[in-house]
Amino acid sequence: MIEKIKAFFAKNIIDSSRSAVNSEELAAAALLIEVMLIDGNLSEDELASISGTLETLLHVSREDVDELFLLARDEVADATSLYQFTREINTHFDHAKKMALMVAMWRVALADGHLDKQEEGIIRRVADLLHLRHSEFIQCKLAARDGA
């Protein structure tokens, strides 16, 4: 999935509204999309949560976010692909930005009012790959649930 997402951003974002999109931003967007897609149930609330996060994080238009969703839906990445995303995050994000990303992932998972075990599982794997402690994993979950 990462290759199609990179191609999308190269074509639609880098060439138009921004001079550059960092690889770590692409990785963060891909991780949020993975959480959205993992349970196979795409709710309007999940779409709104991730759309808002992507618009804020990458400054993309709503139309570009919609196209990105379609690309991501077509490609379901397996668990081994998480490493290429988290490697970028580990290289470029400090601890606070990792925690903010984790809260955003939880918000996507909780947006539809139902936490699927697959959503929790992928967030747990990402937390492990980002070298976050279990207490931080829980702290981010609570922050997302409480709207902090």
C-alpha atoms as a PDB file:
ATOM      1  CA  MET A   1       0.000   0.000   0.000  1.00  0.00           C
ATOM      2  CA  ILE A   2       2.809   2.435   0.735  1.00  0.00           C
ATOM      3  CA  GLU A   3       3.847   2.646  -2.920  1.00  0.00           C
ATOM      4  CA  LYS A   4       0.368   3.661  -4.099  1.00  0.00           C
ATOM      5  CA  ILE A   5       0.082   6.176  -1.261  1.00  0.00           C
ATOM      6  CA  LYS A   6       3.502   7.651  -2.100  1.00  0.00           C
ATOM      7  CA  ALA A   7       2.537   7.879  -5.764  1.00  0.00           C
ATOM      8  CA  PHE A   8      -0.738   9.575  -4.840  1.00  0.00           C
ATOM      9  CA  PHE A   9       1.027  12.171  -2.697  1.00  0.00           C
ATOM     10  CA  ALA A  10       3.738  12.721  -5.282  1.00  0.00           C
ATOM     11  CA  LYS A  11       1.129  13.358  -7.970  1.00  0.00           C
ATOM     12  CA  ASN A  12      -1.525  15.279  -6.029  1.00  0.00           C
ATOM     13  CA  ILE A  13       0.108  16.940  -3.070  1.00  0.00           C
ATOM     14  CA  ILE A  14       3.778  17.574  -3.759  1.00  0.00           C
ATOM     15  CA  ASP A  15       3.154  18.870  -7.270  1.00  0.00           C
ATOM     16  CA  SER A  16       0.296  21.123  -6.265  1.00  0.00           C
ATOM     17  CA  SER A  17      -0.130  22.684  -2.856  1.00  0.00           C
ATOM     18  CA  ARG A  18       3.128  21.879  -1.044  1.00  0.00           C
ATOM     19  CA  SER A  19       6.744  21.884  -1.992  1.00  0.00           C
ATOM     20  CA  ALA A  20       7.394  18.665  -0.074  1.00  0.00           C
ATOM     21  CA  VAL A  21       5.642  15.993   1.925  1.00  0.00           C
ATOM     22  CA  ASN A  22       7.943  14.258   4.338  1.00  0.00           C
ATOM     23  CA  SER A  23       8.206  10.494   4.379  1.00  0.00           C
ATOM     24  CA  GLU A  24       7.276  10.502   8.053  1.00  0.00           C
ATOM     25  CA  GLU A  25       4.018  12.326   7.252  1.00  0.00           C
ATOM     26  CA  LEU A  26       3.246   9.710   4.626  1.00  0.00           C
ATOM     27  CA  ALA A  27       3.983   6.975   7.151  1.00  0.00           C
ATOM     28  CA  ALA A  28       1.718   8.585   9.737  1.00  0.00           C
ATOM     29  CA  ALA A  29      -1.108   8.859   7.195  1.00  0.00           C
ATOM     30  CA  ALA A  30      -0.645   5.225   6.182  1.00  0.00           C
ATOM     31  CA  LEU A  31      -0.825   4.062   9.810  1.00  0.00           C
ATOM     32  CA  LEU A  32      -4.047   5.998  10.388  1.00  0.00           C
ATOM     33  CA  ILE A  33      -5.537   4.490   7.244  1.00  0.00           C
ATOM     34  CA  GLU A  34      -4.474   1.004   8.360  1.00  0.00           C
ATOM     35  CA  VAL A  35      -6.421   1.456  11.611  1.00  0.00           C
ATOM     36  CA  MET A  36      -9.448   2.597   9.659  1.00  0.00           C
ATOM     37  CA  LEU A  37      -9.334  -0.362   7.262  1.00  0.00           C
ATOM     38  CA  ILE A  38      -8.337  -3.215   9.578  1.00  0.00           C
ATOM     39  CA  ASP A  39     -11.816  -4.193  10.811  1.00  0.00           C
ATOM     40  CA  GLY A  40     -13.437  -3.993   7.385  1.00  0.00           C
ATOM     41  CA  ASN A  41     -16.186  -1.673   8.659  1.00  0.00           C
ATOM     42  CA  LEU A  42     -15.841   1.886   7.470  1.00  0.00           C
ATOM     43  CA  SER A  43     -18.146   4.161   9.422  1.00  0.00           C
ATOM     44  CA  GLU A  44     -18.819   7.807   8.673  1.00  0.00           C
ATOM     45  CA  ASP A  45     -17.376   8.683  12.075  1.00  0.00           C
ATOM     46  CA  GLU A  46     -14.097   6.889  11.287  1.00  0.00           C
ATOM     47  CA  LEU A  47     -13.926   8.611   7.925  1.00  0.00           C
ATOM     48  CA  ALA A  48     -14.535  11.998   9.546  1.00  0.00           C
ATOM     49  CA  SER A  49     -11.908  11.346  12.232  1.00  0.00           C
ATOM     50  CA  ILE A  50      -9.197  10.294   9.818  1.00  0.00           C
ATOM     51  CA  SER A  51     -10.148  12.953   7.300  1.00  0.00           C
ATOM     52  CA  GLY A  52      -9.775  15.681   9.881  1.00  0.00           C
ATOM     53  CA  THR A  53      -6.465  14.265  11.062  1.00  0.00           C
ATOM     54  CA  LEU A  54      -5.087  13.988   7.527  1.00  0.00           C
ATOM     55  CA  GLU A  55      -6.285  17.453   6.598  1.00  0.00           C
ATOM     56  CA  THR A  56      -4.580  18.866   9.684  1.00  0.00           C
ATOM     57  CA  LEU A  57      -1.449  16.722   9.455  1.00  0.00           C
ATOM     58  CA  LEU A  58      -0.800  17.018   5.724  1.00  0.00           C
ATOM     59  CA  HIS A  59      -2.906  20.045   4.752  1.00  0.00           C
ATOM     60  CA  VAL A  60      -4.718  18.157   2.000  1.00  0.00           C
ATOM     61  CA  SER A  61      -8.111  18.993   0.596  1.00  0.00           C
ATOM     62  CA  ARG A  62     -11.188  16.911   1.326  1.00  0.00           C
ATOM     63  CA  GLU A  63     -11.187  15.664  -2.284  1.00  0.00           C
ATOM     64  CA  ASP A  64      -7.589  14.463  -1.972  1.00  0.00           C
ATOM     65  CA  VAL A  65      -8.433  12.697   1.283  1.00  0.00           C
ATOM     66  CA  ASP A  66     -11.344  10.941  -0.469  1.00  0.00           C
ATOM     67  CA  GLU A  67      -9.062   9.748  -3.253  1.00  0.00           C
ATOM     68  CA  LEU A  68      -6.533   8.557  -0.701  1.00  0.00           C
ATOM     69  CA  PHE A  69      -9.249   6.508   1.011  1.00  0.00           C
ATOM     70  CA  LEU A  70     -10.108   4.837  -2.281  1.00  0.00           C
ATOM     71  CA  LEU A  71      -6.462   3.957  -2.903  1.00  0.00           C
ATOM     72  CA  ALA A  72      -6.060   2.579   0.597  1.00  0.00           C
ATOM     73  CA  ARG A  73      -9.244   0.542   0.384  1.00  0.00           C
ATOM     74  CA  ASP A  74      -7.954  -1.149  -2.757  1.00  0.00           C
ATOM     75  CA  GLU A  75      -4.731  -2.213  -1.075  1.00  0.00           C
ATOM     76  CA  VAL A  76      -4.815  -4.062   2.234  1.00  0.00           C
ATOM     77  CA  ALA A  77      -1.287  -4.181   3.575  1.00  0.00           C
ATOM     78  CA  ASP A  78      -0.224  -7.097   5.717  1.00  0.00           C
ATOM     79  CA  ALA A  79       1.334  -6.758   9.158  1.00  0.00           C
ATOM     80  CA  THR A  80       4.881  -6.918   7.836  1.00  0.00           C
ATOM     81  CA  SER A  81       4.359  -3.598   6.065  1.00  0.00           C
ATOM     82  CA  LEU A  82       3.964  -1.806   9.381  1.00  0.00           C
ATOM     83  CA  TYR A  83       7.727  -1.810   9.808  1.00  0.00           C
ATOM     84  CA  GLN A  84       8.358   0.436   6.823  1.00  0.00           C
ATOM     85  CA  PHE A  85       5.918   2.976   8.261  1.00  0.00           C
ATOM     86  CA  THR A  86       7.145   2.816  11.837  1.00  0.00           C
ATOM     87  CA  ARG A  87      10.783   3.008  10.720  1.00  0.00           C
ATOM     88  CA  GLU A  88      10.060   6.466   9.279  1.00  0.00           C
ATOM     89  CA  ILE A  89       8.245   7.511  12.436  1.00  0.00           C
ATOM     90  CA  ASN A  90      11.084   6.288  14.666  1.00  0.00           C
ATOM     91  CA  THR A  91      13.638   8.140  12.573  1.00  0.00           C
ATOM     92  CA  HIS A  92      11.839  11.481  12.450  1.00  0.00           C
ATOM     93  CA  PHE A  93       9.380  11.748  15.354  1.00  0.00           C
ATOM     94  CA  ASP A  94      10.321  12.610  18.899  1.00  0.00           C
ATOM     95  CA  HIS A  95       8.527  10.943  21.797  1.00  0.00           C
ATOM     96  CA  ALA A  96       5.796  13.608  22.001  1.00  0.00           C
ATOM     97  CA  LYS A  97       4.961  13.290  18.287  1.00  0.00           C
ATOM     98  CA  LYS A  98       4.827   9.498  18.608  1.00  0.00           C
ATOM     99  CA  MET A  99       2.376   9.880  21.465  1.00  0.00           C
ATOM    100  CA  ALA A 100       0.266  12.327  19.420  1.00  0.00           C
ATOM    101  CA  LEU A 101       0.183   9.870  16.524  1.00  0.00           C
ATOM    102  CA  MET A 102      -0.848   7.087  18.879  1.00  0.00           C
ATOM    103  CA  VAL A 103      -3.707   9.241  20.249  1.00  0.00           C
ATOM    104  CA  ALA A 104      -4.813   9.959  16.662  1.00  0.00           C
ATOM    105  CA  MET A 105      -4.791   6.227  15.873  1.00  0.00           C
ATOM    106  CA  TRP A 106      -6.938   5.555  18.942  1.00  0.00           C
ATOM    107  CA  ARG A 107      -9.353   8.321  17.898  1.00  0.00           C
ATOM    108  CA  VAL A 108      -9.825   6.653  14.535  1.00  0.00           C
ATOM    109  CA  ALA A 109     -10.405   3.281  16.210  1.00  0.00           C
ATOM    110  CA  LEU A 110     -12.887   4.718  18.719  1.00  0.00           C
ATOM    111  CA  ALA A 111     -14.681   7.046  16.296  1.00  0.00           C
ATOM    112  CA  ASP A 112     -17.453   4.585  15.445  1.00  0.00           C
ATOM    113  CA  GLY A 113     -18.207   3.829  19.101  1.00  0.00           C
ATOM    114  CA  HIS A 114     -16.938   0.258  18.828  1.00  0.00           C
ATOM    115  CA  LEU A 115     -13.371  -0.863  19.434  1.00  0.00           C
ATOM    116  CA  ASP A 116     -12.668  -3.927  17.329  1.00  0.00           C
ATOM    117  CA  LYS A 117     -10.008  -6.360  18.533  1.00  0.00           C
ATOM    118  CA  GLN A 118      -8.215  -5.988  15.178  1.00  0.00           C
ATOM    119  CA  GLU A 119      -8.062  -2.213  15.627  1.00  0.00           C
ATOM    120  CA  GLU A 120      -6.641  -2.598  19.109  1.00  0.00           C
ATOM    121  CA  GLY A 121      -4.219  -5.231  17.854  1.00  0.00           C
ATOM    122  CA  ILE A 122      -2.761  -3.083  15.095  1.00  0.00           C
ATOM    123  CA  ILE A 123      -2.399  -0.124  17.447  1.00  0.00           C
ATOM    124  CA  ARG A 124      -0.628  -2.402  19.931  1.00  0.00           C
ATOM    125  CA  ARG A 125       1.778  -3.604  17.218  1.00  0.00           C
ATOM    126  CA  VAL A 126       2.495  -0.027  16.160  1.00  0.00           C
ATOM    127  CA  ALA A 127       3.089   1.005  19.781  1.00  0.00           C
ATOM    128  CA  ASP A 128       5.580  -1.843  20.140  1.00  0.00           C
ATOM    129  CA  LEU A 129       7.342  -0.871  16.905  1.00  0.00           C
ATOM    130  CA  LEU A 130       7.500   2.745  18.083  1.00  0.00           C
ATOM    131  CA  HIS A 131       9.099   1.562  21.337  1.00  0.00           C
ATOM    132  CA  LEU A 132       6.303   2.919  23.505  1.00  0.00           C
ATOM    133  CA  ARG A 133       5.699   1.391  26.915  1.00  0.00           C
ATOM    134  CA  HIS A 134       2.419  -0.343  27.700  1.00  0.00           C
ATOM    135  CA  SER A 135       1.537   2.453  30.125  1.00  0.00           C
ATOM    136  CA  GLU A 136       1.947   4.978  27.280  1.00  0.00           C
ATOM    137  CA  PHE A 137      -0.209   2.807  25.023  1.00  0.00           C
ATOM    138  CA  ILE A 138      -2.957   2.926  27.677  1.00  0.00           C
ATOM    139  CA  GLN A 139      -2.396   6.643  28.340  1.00  0.00           C
ATOM    140  CA  CYS A 140      -2.976   7.393  24.646  1.00  0.00           C
ATOM    141  CA  LYS A 141      -6.107   5.244  24.591  1.00  0.00           C
ATOM    142  CA  LEU A 142      -7.530   7.102  27.570  1.00  0.00           C
ATOM    143  CA  ALA A 143      -6.619  10.486  26.083  1.00  0.00           C
ATOM    144  CA  ALA A 144      -8.416   9.608  22.852  1.00  0.00           C
ATOM    145  CA  ARG A 145     -11.444   8.217  24.686  1.00  0.00           C
ATOM    146  CA  ASP A 146     -11.689  11.289  26.933  1.00  0.00           C
ATOM    147  CA  GLY A 147     -11.198  13.678  24.025  1.00  0.00           C
ATOM    148  CA  ALA A 148      -7.976  15.147  25.373  1.00  0.00           C
END
